[in-house]
Amino acid sequence: MLLLSPTEPPSHPIIQGYTEATSIAAGTVQKISCISSGGNPLATLTWYKNDKKVSTTLFCTIAVFSHVLQIIAAVYLPLPFI
């Protein structure tokens, strides 16, 4: 006997903590969350910066996954030419 569980897509991810095209002041700590709920199998959430995977904190409650990314905005000034 073979039991199959139905496949159901998770909800579309929701980004919280940042509005597109908004500037973040240098030195500011910003927490950004990506949340998806439901699905079988559950969603896999991954953050990338410049095509490189970044570390996040994963929170999971019943069928709700949330990845939290904490960033610190920085200003990079060119070194003076000597």
PDB file of N, CA and C in Angstrom:
ATOM      1  N   MET A   1       0.850  -1.182   0.000  1.00  0.00           N
ATOM      2  CA  MET A   1       0.000   0.000   0.000  1.00  0.00           C
ATOM      3  C   MET A   1       0.891   1.239   0.000  1.00  0.00           C
ATOM      4  N   LEU A   2       0.610   2.156  -0.889  1.00  0.00           N
ATOM      5  CA  LEU A   2       1.386   3.386  -1.038  1.00  0.00           C
ATOM      6  C   LEU A   2       0.508   4.561  -0.662  1.00  0.00           C
ATOM      7  N   LEU A   3       0.952   5.357   0.298  1.00  0.00           N
ATOM      8  CA  LEU A   3       0.223   6.556   0.700  1.00  0.00           C
ATOM      9  C   LEU A   3       0.944   7.773   0.157  1.00  0.00           C
ATOM     10  N   LEU A   4       0.238   8.600  -0.534  1.00  0.00           N
ATOM     11  CA  LEU A   4       0.799   9.838  -1.057  1.00  0.00           C
ATOM     12  C   LEU A   4       0.108  11.005  -0.369  1.00  0.00           C
ATOM     13  N   SER A   5       0.889  11.993   0.029  1.00  0.00           N
ATOM     14  CA  SER A   5       0.262  13.186   0.587  1.00  0.00           C
ATOM     15  C   SER A   5       0.142  14.227  -0.519  1.00  0.00           C
ATOM     16  N   PRO A   6      -0.952  14.963  -0.525  1.00  0.00           N
ATOM     17  CA  PRO A   6      -1.159  15.947  -1.587  1.00  0.00           C
ATOM     18  C   PRO A   6      -0.113  17.055  -1.521  1.00  0.00           C
ATOM     19  N   THR A   7       0.259  17.548  -2.683  1.00  0.00           N
ATOM     20  CA  THR A   7       1.195  18.658  -2.765  1.00  0.00           C
ATOM     21  C   THR A   7       0.399  19.952  -2.850  1.00  0.00           C
ATOM     22  N   GLU A   8       0.794  20.910  -2.028  1.00  0.00           N
ATOM     23  CA  GLU A   8       0.120  22.204  -1.993  1.00  0.00           C
ATOM     24  C   GLU A   8       1.192  23.283  -1.924  1.00  0.00           C
ATOM     25  N   PRO A   9       1.146  24.289  -2.787  1.00  0.00           N
ATOM     26  CA  PRO A   9       2.184  25.316  -2.747  1.00  0.00           C
ATOM     27  C   PRO A   9       2.046  26.207  -1.506  1.00  0.00           C
ATOM     28  N   PRO A  10       3.174  26.709  -0.982  1.00  0.00           N
ATOM     29  CA  PRO A  10       3.107  27.648   0.141  1.00  0.00           C
ATOM     30  C   PRO A  10       2.610  29.007  -0.346  1.00  0.00           C
ATOM     31  N   SER A  11       2.259  29.871   0.596  1.00  0.00           N
ATOM     32  CA  SER A  11       1.836  31.227   0.218  1.00  0.00           C
ATOM     33  C   SER A  11       3.016  31.967  -0.399  1.00  0.00           C
ATOM     34  N   HIS A  12       2.716  33.004  -1.151  1.00  0.00           N
ATOM     35  CA  HIS A  12       3.785  33.841  -1.699  1.00  0.00           C
ATOM     36  C   HIS A  12       4.524  34.492  -0.541  1.00  0.00           C
ATOM     37  N   PRO A  13       5.842  34.652  -0.647  1.00  0.00           N
ATOM     38  CA  PRO A  13       6.595  35.269   0.450  1.00  0.00           C
ATOM     39  C   PRO A  13       6.205  36.737   0.629  1.00  0.00           C
ATOM     40  N   ILE A  14       6.202  37.167   1.875  1.00  0.00           N
ATOM     41  CA  ILE A  14       5.907  38.554   2.216  1.00  0.00           C
ATOM     42  C   ILE A  14       7.155  39.140   2.872  1.00  0.00           C
ATOM     43  N   ILE A  15       7.625  40.279   2.361  1.00  0.00           N
ATOM     44  CA  ILE A  15       8.784  40.963   2.917  1.00  0.00           C
ATOM     45  C   ILE A  15       8.283  42.052   3.865  1.00  0.00           C
ATOM     46  N   GLN A  16       8.783  42.047   5.104  1.00  0.00           N
ATOM     47  CA  GLN A  16       8.413  43.064   6.087  1.00  0.00           C
ATOM     48  C   GLN A  16       9.671  43.751   6.609  1.00  0.00           C
ATOM     49  N   GLY A  17       9.552  45.031   6.904  1.00  0.00           N
ATOM     50  CA  GLY A  17      10.665  45.771   7.486  1.00  0.00           C
ATOM     51  C   GLY A  17      11.410  46.649   6.510  1.00  0.00           C
ATOM     52  N   TYR A  18      10.994  46.663   5.246  1.00  0.00           N
ATOM     53  CA  TYR A  18      11.662  47.502   4.243  1.00  0.00           C
ATOM     54  C   TYR A  18      10.677  47.810   3.131  1.00  0.00           C
ATOM     55  N   THR A  19      10.699  49.048   2.688  1.00  0.00           N
ATOM     56  CA  THR A  19       9.891  49.464   1.545  1.00  0.00           C
ATOM     57  C   THR A  19      10.834  49.724   0.379  1.00  0.00           C
ATOM     58  N   GLU A  20      10.534  49.131  -0.761  1.00  0.00           N
ATOM     59  CA  GLU A  20      11.388  49.271  -1.936  1.00  0.00           C
ATOM     60  C   GLU A  20      11.632  50.739  -2.267  1.00  0.00           C
ATOM     61  N   ALA A  21      12.852  51.045  -2.664  1.00  0.00           N
ATOM     62  CA  ALA A  21      13.291  52.386  -3.057  1.00  0.00           C
ATOM     63  C   ALA A  21      13.391  53.337  -1.868  1.00  0.00           C
ATOM     64  N   THR A  22      13.433  52.806  -0.643  1.00  0.00           N
ATOM     65  CA  THR A  22      13.609  53.619   0.547  1.00  0.00           C
ATOM     66  C   THR A  22      15.072  53.579   0.950  1.00  0.00           C
ATOM     67  N   SER A  23      15.623  54.734   1.309  1.00  0.00           N
ATOM     68  CA  SER A  23      17.013  54.790   1.761  1.00  0.00           C
ATOM     69  C   SER A  23      17.093  54.441   3.236  1.00  0.00           C
ATOM     70  N   ILE A  24      18.191  53.807   3.614  1.00  0.00           N
ATOM     71  CA  ILE A  24      18.466  53.485   5.009  1.00  0.00           C
ATOM     72  C   ILE A  24      19.721  54.260   5.392  1.00  0.00           C
ATOM     73  N   ALA A  25      19.631  55.071   6.451  1.00  0.00           N
ATOM     74  CA  ALA A  25      20.756  55.908   6.865  1.00  0.00           C
ATOM     75  C   ALA A  25      21.933  55.055   7.326  1.00  0.00           C
ATOM     76  N   ALA A  26      23.143  55.531   7.070  1.00  0.00           N
ATOM     77  CA  ALA A  26      24.353  54.828   7.494  1.00  0.00           C
ATOM     78  C   ALA A  26      24.335  54.618   9.000  1.00  0.00           C
ATOM     79  N   GLY A  27      24.742  53.431   9.434  1.00  0.00           N
ATOM     80  CA  GLY A  27      24.780  53.104  10.843  1.00  0.00           C
ATOM     81  C   GLY A  27      23.478  52.575  11.396  1.00  0.00           C
ATOM     82  N   THR A  28      22.432  52.595  10.596  1.00  0.00           N
ATOM     83  CA  THR A  28      21.123  52.112  11.015  1.00  0.00           C
ATOM     84  C   THR A  28      21.083  50.589  10.991  1.00  0.00           C
ATOM     85  N   VAL A  29      20.507  50.007  12.029  1.00  0.00           N
ATOM     86  CA  VAL A  29      20.284  48.563  12.046  1.00  0.00           C
ATOM     87  C   VAL A  29      18.875  48.325  11.529  1.00  0.00           C
ATOM     88  N   GLN A  30      18.744  47.502  10.521  1.00  0.00           N
ATOM     89  CA  GLN A  30      17.456  47.236   9.884  1.00  0.00           C
ATOM     90  C   GLN A  30      17.166  45.747   9.936  1.00  0.00           C
ATOM     91  N   LYS A  31      16.007  45.368  10.468  1.00  0.00           N
ATOM     92  CA  LYS A  31      15.588  43.970  10.466  1.00  0.00           C
ATOM     93  C   LYS A  31      14.559  43.794   9.366  1.00  0.00           C
ATOM     94  N   ILE A  32      14.825  42.843   8.477  1.00  0.00           N
ATOM     95  CA  ILE A  32      13.937  42.563   7.351  1.00  0.00           C
ATOM     96  C   ILE A  32      13.512  41.104   7.447  1.00  0.00           C
ATOM     97  N   SER A  33      12.220  40.846   7.340  1.00  0.00           N
ATOM     98  CA  SER A  33      11.700  39.484   7.451  1.00  0.00           C
ATOM     99  C   SER A  33      11.074  39.041   6.143  1.00  0.00           C
ATOM    100  N   CYS A  34      11.243  37.780   5.818  1.00  0.00           N
ATOM    101  CA  CYS A  34      10.565  37.146   4.697  1.00  0.00           C
ATOM    102  C   CYS A  34       9.710  36.041   5.306  1.00  0.00           C
ATOM    103  N   ILE A  35       8.400  36.098   5.075  1.00  0.00           N
ATOM    104  CA  ILE A  35       7.468  35.176   5.727  1.00  0.00           C
ATOM    105  C   ILE A  35       6.661  34.428   4.671  1.00  0.00           C
ATOM    106  N   SER A  36       6.538  33.117   4.851  1.00  0.00           N
ATOM    107  CA  SER A  36       5.714  32.280   3.991  1.00  0.00           C
ATOM    108  C   SER A  36       4.984  31.281   4.876  1.00  0.00           C
ATOM    109  N   SER A  37       3.739  31.005   4.556  1.00  0.00           N
ATOM    110  CA  SER A  37       2.987  30.063   5.384  1.00  0.00           C
ATOM    111  C   SER A  37       2.349  28.987   4.515  1.00  0.00           C
ATOM    112  N   GLY A  38       2.012  27.879   5.181  1.00  0.00           N
ATOM    113  CA  GLY A  38       1.352  26.772   4.507  1.00  0.00           C
ATOM    114  C   GLY A  38       2.273  26.044   3.555  1.00  0.00           C
ATOM    115  N   GLY A  39       1.677  25.174   2.788  1.00  0.00           N
ATOM    116  CA  GLY A  39       2.418  24.423   1.779  1.00  0.00           C
ATOM    117  C   GLY A  39       2.817  23.045   2.245  1.00  0.00           C
ATOM    118  N   ASN A  40       2.857  22.148   1.287  1.00  0.00           N
ATOM    119  CA  ASN A  40       3.319  20.787   1.526  1.00  0.00           C
ATOM    120  C   ASN A  40       4.088  20.356   0.289  1.00  0.00           C
ATOM    121  N   PRO A  41       5.393  20.442   0.294  1.00  0.00           N
ATOM    122  CA  PRO A  41       6.256  20.724   1.433  1.00  0.00           C
ATOM    123  C   PRO A  41       6.287  22.221   1.761  1.00  0.00           C
ATOM    124  N   LEU A  42       6.803  22.570   2.953  1.00  0.00           N
ATOM    125  CA  LEU A  42       6.932  23.962   3.355  1.00  0.00           C
ATOM    126  C   LEU A  42       7.967  24.663   2.487  1.00  0.00           C
ATOM    127  N   ALA A  43       7.873  25.987   2.443  1.00  0.00           N
ATOM    128  CA  ALA A  43       8.787  26.793   1.626  1.00  0.00           C
ATOM    129  C   ALA A  43      10.205  26.745   2.185  1.00  0.00           C
ATOM    130  N   THR A  44      11.162  26.980   1.305  1.00  0.00           N
ATOM    131  CA  THR A  44      12.551  27.197   1.689  1.00  0.00           C
ATOM    132  C   THR A  44      12.846  28.658   1.393  1.00  0.00           C
ATOM    133  N   LEU A  45      13.249  29.417   2.406  1.00  0.00           N
ATOM    134  CA  LEU A  45      13.499  30.840   2.243  1.00  0.00           C
ATOM    135  C   LEU A  45      14.989  31.114   2.381  1.00  0.00           C
ATOM    136  N   THR A  46      15.555  31.855   1.425  1.00  0.00           N
ATOM    137  CA  THR A  46      16.982  32.144   1.428  1.00  0.00           C
ATOM    138  C   THR A  46      17.209  33.590   0.997  1.00  0.00           C
ATOM    139  N   TRP A  47      18.070  34.302   1.713  1.00  0.00           N
ATOM    140  CA  TRP A  47      18.423  35.685   1.371  1.00  0.00           C
ATOM    141  C   TRP A  47      19.746  35.678   0.608  1.00  0.00           C
ATOM    142  N   TYR A  48      19.832  36.585  -0.383  1.00  0.00           N
ATOM    143  CA  TYR A  48      21.053  36.765  -1.161  1.00  0.00           C
ATOM    144  C   TYR A  48      21.400  38.248  -1.240  1.00  0.00           C
ATOM    145  N   LYS A  49      22.690  38.538  -1.259  1.00  0.00           N
ATOM    146  CA  LYS A  49      23.187  39.893  -1.511  1.00  0.00           C
ATOM    147  C   LYS A  49      24.273  39.776  -2.559  1.00  0.00           C
ATOM    148  N   ASN A  50      24.092  40.471  -3.668  1.00  0.00           N
ATOM    149  CA  ASN A  50      25.046  40.403  -4.783  1.00  0.00           C
ATOM    150  C   ASN A  50      25.319  38.953  -5.184  1.00  0.00           C
ATOM    151  N   ASP A  51      24.260  38.180  -5.318  1.00  0.00           N
ATOM    152  CA  ASP A  51      24.313  36.777  -5.738  1.00  0.00           C
ATOM    153  C   ASP A  51      25.015  35.856  -4.746  1.00  0.00           C
ATOM    154  N   LYS A  52      25.234  36.301  -3.503  1.00  0.00           N
ATOM    155  CA  LYS A  52      25.856  35.457  -2.487  1.00  0.00           C
ATOM    156  C   LYS A  52      24.878  35.266  -1.336  1.00  0.00           C
ATOM    157  N   LYS A  53      24.757  34.025  -0.875  1.00  0.00           N
ATOM    158  CA  LYS A  53      23.870  33.697   0.232  1.00  0.00           C
ATOM    159  C   LYS A  53      24.355  34.374   1.505  1.00  0.00           C
ATOM    160  N   VAL A  54      23.438  34.956   2.278  1.00  0.00           N
ATOM    161  CA  VAL A  54      23.807  35.604   3.538  1.00  0.00           C
ATOM    162  C   VAL A  54      23.159  34.871   4.706  1.00  0.00           C
ATOM    163  N   SER A  55      23.764  35.007   5.884  1.00  0.00           N
ATOM    164  CA  SER A  55      23.253  34.357   7.091  1.00  0.00           C
ATOM    165  C   SER A  55      21.975  35.028   7.562  1.00  0.00           C
ATOM    166  N   THR A  56      21.050  34.223   8.031  1.00  0.00           N
ATOM    167  CA  THR A  56      19.797  34.727   8.564  1.00  0.00           C
ATOM    168  C   THR A  56      19.425  33.907   9.789  1.00  0.00           C
ATOM    169  N   THR A  57      18.389  34.348  10.467  1.00  0.00           N
ATOM    170  CA  THR A  57      17.848  33.601  11.584  1.00  0.00           C
ATOM    171  C   THR A  57      16.517  33.026  11.153  1.00  0.00           C
ATOM    172  N   LEU A  58      16.326  31.744  11.377  1.00  0.00           N
ATOM    173  CA  LEU A  58      15.094  31.064  10.970  1.00  0.00           C
ATOM    174  C   LEU A  58      14.186  30.900  12.172  1.00  0.00           C
ATOM    175  N   PHE A  59      12.940  31.313  12.006  1.00  0.00           N
ATOM    176  CA  PHE A  59      11.916  31.089  13.020  1.00  0.00           C
ATOM    177  C   PHE A  59      10.846  30.213  12.388  1.00  0.00           C
ATOM    178  N   CYS A  60      10.343  29.268  13.131  1.00  0.00           N
ATOM    179  CA  CYS A  60       9.297  28.396  12.601  1.00  0.00           C
ATOM    180  C   CYS A  60       8.232  28.189  13.662  1.00  0.00           C
ATOM    181  N   THR A  61       7.006  28.495  13.298  1.00  0.00           N
ATOM    182  CA  THR A  61       5.868  28.119  14.114  1.00  0.00           C
ATOM    183  C   THR A  61       5.083  27.143  13.249  1.00  0.00           C
ATOM    184  N   ILE A  62       3.964  26.690  13.683  1.00  0.00           N
ATOM    185  CA  ILE A  62       3.215  25.674  12.938  1.00  0.00           C
ATOM    186  C   ILE A  62       2.957  26.148  11.503  1.00  0.00           C
ATOM    187  N   ALA A  63       3.643  25.548  10.560  1.00  0.00           N
ATOM    188  CA  ALA A  63       3.492  25.794   9.121  1.00  0.00           C
ATOM    189  C   ALA A  63       3.746  27.236   8.711  1.00  0.00           C
ATOM    190  N   VAL A  64       4.472  28.013   9.517  1.00  0.00           N
ATOM    191  CA  VAL A  64       4.846  29.375   9.123  1.00  0.00           C
ATOM    192  C   VAL A  64       6.352  29.508   9.294  1.00  0.00           C
ATOM    193  N   PHE A  65       7.036  29.815   8.207  1.00  0.00           N
ATOM    194  CA  PHE A  65       8.478  30.004   8.244  1.00  0.00           C
ATOM    195  C   PHE A  65       8.781  31.476   8.081  1.00  0.00           C
ATOM    196  N   SER A  66       9.753  31.957   8.823  1.00  0.00           N
ATOM    197  CA  SER A  66      10.175  33.340   8.730  1.00  0.00           C
ATOM    198  C   SER A  66      11.687  33.391   8.816  1.00  0.00           C
ATOM    199  N   HIS A  67      12.308  34.016   7.841  1.00  0.00           N
ATOM    200  CA  HIS A  67      13.748  34.252   7.878  1.00  0.00           C
ATOM    201  C   HIS A  67      13.935  35.728   8.176  1.00  0.00           C
ATOM    202  N   VAL A  68      14.753  36.046   9.178  1.00  0.00           N
ATOM    203  CA  VAL A  68      14.999  37.435   9.547  1.00  0.00           C
ATOM    204  C   VAL A  68      16.436  37.780   9.193  1.00  0.00           C
ATOM    205  N   LEU A  69      16.589  38.836   8.443  1.00  0.00           N
ATOM    206  CA  LEU A  69      17.896  39.335   8.037  1.00  0.00           C
ATOM    207  C   LEU A  69      18.125  40.644   8.765  1.00  0.00           C
ATOM    208  N   GLN A  70      19.235  40.764   9.486  1.00  0.00           N
ATOM    209  CA  GLN A  70      19.556  42.010  10.170  1.00  0.00           C
ATOM    210  C   GLN A  70      20.757  42.610   9.478  1.00  0.00           C
ATOM    211  N   ILE A  71      20.607  43.837   9.003  1.00  0.00           N
ATOM    212  CA  ILE A  71      21.702  44.495   8.301  1.00  0.00           C
ATOM    213  C   ILE A  71      22.050  45.797   9.014  1.00  0.00           C
ATOM    214  N   ILE A  72      23.279  46.222   8.843  1.00  0.00           N
ATOM    215  CA  ILE A  72      23.704  47.530   9.315  1.00  0.00           C
ATOM    216  C   ILE A  72      24.151  48.297   8.085  1.00  0.00           C
ATOM    217  N   ALA A  73      23.467  49.389   7.810  1.00  0.00           N
ATOM    218  CA  ALA A  73      23.805  50.196   6.642  1.00  0.00           C
ATOM    219  C   ALA A  73      25.155  50.862   6.880  1.00  0.00           C
ATOM    220  N   ALA A  74      25.996  50.856   5.872  1.00  0.00           N
ATOM    221  CA  ALA A  74      27.336  51.427   6.002  1.00  0.00           C
ATOM    222  C   ALA A  74      27.613  52.353   4.826  1.00  0.00           C
ATOM    223  N   VAL A  75      28.501  53.294   5.045  1.00  0.00           N
ATOM    224  CA  VAL A  75      28.946  54.199   3.989  1.00  0.00           C
ATOM    225  C   VAL A  75      30.388  53.853   3.698  1.00  0.00           C
ATOM    226  N   TYR A  76      30.699  53.619   2.443  1.00  0.00           N
ATOM    227  CA  TYR A  76      32.061  53.337   2.046  1.00  0.00           C
ATOM    228  C   TYR A  76      32.616  54.552   1.316  1.00  0.00           C
ATOM    229  N   LEU A  77      33.617  55.151   1.907  1.00  0.00           N
ATOM    230  CA  LEU A  77      34.246  56.325   1.311  1.00  0.00           C
ATOM    231  C   LEU A  77      35.535  55.903   0.629  1.00  0.00           C
ATOM    232  N   PRO A  78      35.801  56.446  -0.563  1.00  0.00           N
ATOM    233  CA  PRO A  78      37.057  56.081  -1.233  1.00  0.00           C
ATOM    234  C   PRO A  78      38.249  56.595  -0.441  1.00  0.00           C
ATOM    235  N   LEU A  79      39.337  55.830  -0.450  1.00  0.00           N
ATOM    236  CA  LEU A  79      40.557  56.280   0.204  1.00  0.00           C
ATOM    237  C   LEU A  79      41.181  57.406  -0.604  1.00  0.00           C
ATOM    238  N   PRO A  80      41.756  58.403   0.074  1.00  0.00           N
ATOM    239  CA  PRO A  80      42.362  59.495  -0.687  1.00  0.00           C
ATOM    240  C   PRO A  80      43.586  59.006  -1.450  1.00  0.00           C
ATOM    241  N   PHE A  81      43.776  59.547  -2.627  1.00  0.00           N
ATOM    242  CA  PHE A  81      44.930  59.186  -3.450  1.00  0.00           C
ATOM    243  C   PHE A  81      46.128  59.942  -2.928  1.00  0.00           C
ATOM    244  N   ILE A  82      47.200  59.234  -2.621  1.00  0.00           N
ATOM    245  CA  ILE A  82      48.401  59.901  -2.069  1.00  0.00           C
ATOM    246  C   ILE A  82      49.507  59.833  -3.076  1.00  0.00           C
TER     247      ILE A  82
END
